[in-house]
C-alpha cells in the first residue's frame, strides 16, 4: 500500500516522533519528511520498505507498539538505520553456527 501524506503524519504521531526524529530513524533529510507530509513526494525505496514493514507488524500485532517505539528510539540515539540492521541481524541470529554466514 502506498503512503499518502495523512498516512505519514498519522504513523509518525503513532510512533511519538517529531519530524527530525522520524527523518533520522529513516536516514533521510528532515526536508524529505516535510515534503511527504505536504503531499509533494512519497517515500520510496528503503524508507518506504522500512515504514511498510513496521506498519505491517503493528497491524498484525498491536501489542508490539511499545517494543517498536523502544527499538526506534534506540535507533535514533545510536544512528538510525544501521542500528536497526544490527538488531534485525541479531534477531535472525546471523553468524551463529550452521546459520547465516
C-alpha atoms as a PDB file:
ATOM      1  CA  UNK A   1       0.000   0.000   0.000  1.00  0.00           C
ATOM      2  CA  UNK A   2       1.366   3.395  -0.981  1.00  0.00           C
ATOM      3  CA  UNK A   3       1.899   6.069   1.616  1.00  0.00           C
ATOM      4  CA  UNK A   4      -0.045   9.336   1.406  1.00  0.00           C
ATOM      5  CA  UNK A   5       0.514  12.467   3.462  1.00  0.00           C
ATOM      6  CA  UNK A   6      -2.145  11.545   6.024  1.00  0.00           C
ATOM      7  CA  UNK A   7      -0.607   8.093   6.495  1.00  0.00           C
ATOM      8  CA  UNK A   8       2.839   9.597   7.093  1.00  0.00           C
ATOM      9  CA  UNK A   9       1.595  12.109   9.668  1.00  0.00           C
ATOM     10  CA  UNK A  10      -0.557   9.523  11.437  1.00  0.00           C
ATOM     11  CA  UNK A  11       2.233   6.937  11.562  1.00  0.00           C
ATOM     12  CA  UNK A  12       4.837   9.444  12.751  1.00  0.00           C
ATOM     13  CA  UNK A  13       2.469  10.529  15.523  1.00  0.00           C
ATOM     14  CA  UNK A  14       1.688   6.909  16.425  1.00  0.00           C
ATOM     15  CA  UNK A  15       5.410   6.385  16.924  1.00  0.00           C
ATOM     16  CA  UNK A  16       5.609   9.551  19.028  1.00  0.00           C
ATOM     17  CA  UNK A  17       8.300  11.168  16.874  1.00  0.00           C
ATOM     18  CA  UNK A  18       8.836  14.704  15.699  1.00  0.00           C
ATOM     19  CA  UNK A  19       9.856  15.285  12.078  1.00  0.00           C
ATOM     20  CA  UNK A  20      13.550  15.419  12.866  1.00  0.00           C
ATOM     21  CA  UNK A  21      13.470  12.133  14.794  1.00  0.00           C
ATOM     22  CA  UNK A  22      11.371  10.475  12.093  1.00  0.00           C
ATOM     23  CA  UNK A  23      13.882  11.587   9.464  1.00  0.00           C
ATOM     24  CA  UNK A  24      16.840  10.311  11.462  1.00  0.00           C
ATOM     25  CA  UNK A  25      15.100   6.975  12.024  1.00  0.00           C
ATOM     26  CA  UNK A  26      14.639   6.586   8.255  1.00  0.00           C
ATOM     27  CA  UNK A  27      18.077   8.016   7.384  1.00  0.00           C
ATOM     28  CA  UNK A  28      16.573  10.811   5.301  1.00  0.00           C
ATOM     29  CA  UNK A  29      16.680  14.582   5.466  1.00  0.00           C
ATOM     30  CA  UNK A  30      14.000  16.357   7.518  1.00  0.00           C
ATOM     31  CA  UNK A  31      13.019  18.201   4.331  1.00  0.00           C
ATOM     32  CA  UNK A  32      12.021  14.845   2.838  1.00  0.00           C
ATOM     33  CA  UNK A  33       9.620  14.219   5.711  1.00  0.00           C
ATOM     34  CA  UNK A  34       8.177  17.713   5.291  1.00  0.00           C
ATOM     35  CA  UNK A  35       7.634  17.088   1.566  1.00  0.00           C
ATOM     36  CA  UNK A  36       5.964  13.735   2.314  1.00  0.00           C
ATOM     37  CA  UNK A  37       3.672  15.355   4.867  1.00  0.00           C
ATOM     38  CA  UNK A  38       2.724  18.102   2.424  1.00  0.00           C
ATOM     39  CA  UNK A  39       1.947  15.511  -0.242  1.00  0.00           C
ATOM     40  CA  UNK A  40       4.675  16.789  -2.574  1.00  0.00           C
ATOM     41  CA  UNK A  41       6.561  13.470  -2.577  1.00  0.00           C
ATOM     42  CA  UNK A  42       6.116   9.965  -1.210  1.00  0.00           C
ATOM     43  CA  UNK A  43       8.628   7.731   0.499  1.00  0.00           C
ATOM     44  CA  UNK A  44      10.304   5.329  -1.891  1.00  0.00           C
ATOM     45  CA  UNK A  45      12.990   2.685  -1.706  1.00  0.00           C
ATOM     46  CA  UNK A  46      14.409   1.860   1.698  1.00  0.00           C
ATOM     47  CA  UNK A  47      12.343   4.388   3.713  1.00  0.00           C
ATOM     48  CA  UNK A  48       9.138   3.054   2.157  1.00  0.00           C
ATOM     49  CA  UNK A  49      10.162  -0.536   2.878  1.00  0.00           C
ATOM     50  CA  UNK A  50      11.001   0.279   6.499  1.00  0.00           C
ATOM     51  CA  UNK A  51       7.734   2.136   7.051  1.00  0.00           C
ATOM     52  CA  UNK A  52       5.698  -0.592   5.408  1.00  0.00           C
ATOM     53  CA  UNK A  53       7.405  -3.315   7.426  1.00  0.00           C
ATOM     54  CA  UNK A  54       6.746  -1.584  10.720  1.00  0.00           C
ATOM     55  CA  UNK A  55       3.165  -0.736   9.731  1.00  0.00           C
ATOM     56  CA  UNK A  56       2.507  -4.369   8.825  1.00  0.00           C
ATOM     57  CA  UNK A  57       3.997  -5.586  12.123  1.00  0.00           C
ATOM     58  CA  UNK A  58       1.870  -3.146  14.154  1.00  0.00           C
ATOM     59  CA  UNK A  59      -1.295  -4.105  12.252  1.00  0.00           C
ATOM     60  CA  UNK A  60      -0.645  -7.817  12.864  1.00  0.00           C
ATOM     61  CA  UNK A  61       0.405  -7.321  16.482  1.00  0.00           C
ATOM     62  CA  UNK A  62      -0.813  -4.027  18.007  1.00  0.00           C
ATOM     63  CA  UNK A  63       0.677  -5.045  21.357  1.00  0.00           C
ATOM     64  CA  UNK A  64       4.123  -4.775  19.766  1.00  0.00           C
ATOM     65  CA  UNK A  65       3.868  -0.972  19.530  1.00  0.00           C
ATOM     66  CA  UNK A  66       5.699  -0.227  22.818  1.00  0.00           C
ATOM     67  CA  UNK A  67       8.586  -2.523  21.842  1.00  0.00           C
ATOM     68  CA  UNK A  68       8.713  -0.953  18.382  1.00  0.00           C
ATOM     69  CA  UNK A  69       8.791   2.535  19.903  1.00  0.00           C
ATOM     70  CA  UNK A  70      11.733   1.449  22.098  1.00  0.00           C
ATOM     71  CA  UNK A  71      13.563  -0.055  19.130  1.00  0.00           C
ATOM     72  CA  UNK A  72      13.055   3.089  17.072  1.00  0.00           C
ATOM     73  CA  UNK A  73      14.088   5.316  19.959  1.00  0.00           C
ATOM     74  CA  UNK A  74      17.298   3.323  20.296  1.00  0.00           C
ATOM     75  CA  UNK A  75      17.945   3.537  16.590  1.00  0.00           C
ATOM     76  CA  UNK A  76      17.595   7.307  16.660  1.00  0.00           C
ATOM     77  CA  UNK A  77      20.007   7.626  19.566  1.00  0.00           C
ATOM     78  CA  UNK A  78      22.621   5.319  18.087  1.00  0.00           C
ATOM     79  CA  UNK A  79      22.494   6.116  14.408  1.00  0.00           C
ATOM     80  CA  UNK A  80      19.289   5.339  12.596  1.00  0.00           C
ATOM     81  CA  UNK A  81      19.168   2.589  10.032  1.00  0.00           C
ATOM     82  CA  UNK A  82      22.497   0.985  10.933  1.00  0.00           C
ATOM     83  CA  UNK A  83      21.215   0.212  14.423  1.00  0.00           C
ATOM     84  CA  UNK A  84      18.066  -1.380  13.023  1.00  0.00           C
ATOM     85  CA  UNK A  85      20.081  -3.596  10.714  1.00  0.00           C
ATOM     86  CA  UNK A  86      22.231  -4.812  13.595  1.00  0.00           C
ATOM     87  CA  UNK A  87      19.136  -5.538  15.686  1.00  0.00           C
ATOM     88  CA  UNK A  88      17.469  -7.417  12.829  1.00  0.00           C
ATOM     89  CA  UNK A  89      20.599  -9.480  12.236  1.00  0.00           C
ATOM     90  CA  UNK A  90      20.762 -10.218  15.947  1.00  0.00           C
ATOM     91  CA  UNK A  91      17.132 -11.351  15.944  1.00  0.00           C
ATOM     92  CA  UNK A  92      17.828 -13.579  12.952  1.00  0.00           C
ATOM     93  CA  UNK A  93      20.915 -14.978  14.703  1.00  0.00           C
ATOM     94  CA  UNK A  94      23.047 -14.371  11.611  1.00  0.00           C
ATOM     95  CA  UNK A  95      26.507 -15.728  12.123  1.00  0.00           C
ATOM     96  CA  UNK A  96      25.673 -18.484  14.562  1.00  0.00           C
ATOM     97  CA  UNK A  97      26.971 -21.951  13.777  1.00  0.00           C
ATOM     98  CA  UNK A  98      25.052 -23.536  10.983  1.00  0.00           C
ATOM     99  CA  UNK A  99      23.051 -20.406  10.169  1.00  0.00           C
ATOM    100  CA  UNK A 100      23.647 -17.345   8.112  1.00  0.00           C
ATOM    101  CA  UNK A 101      27.216 -16.603   7.090  1.00  0.00           C
END
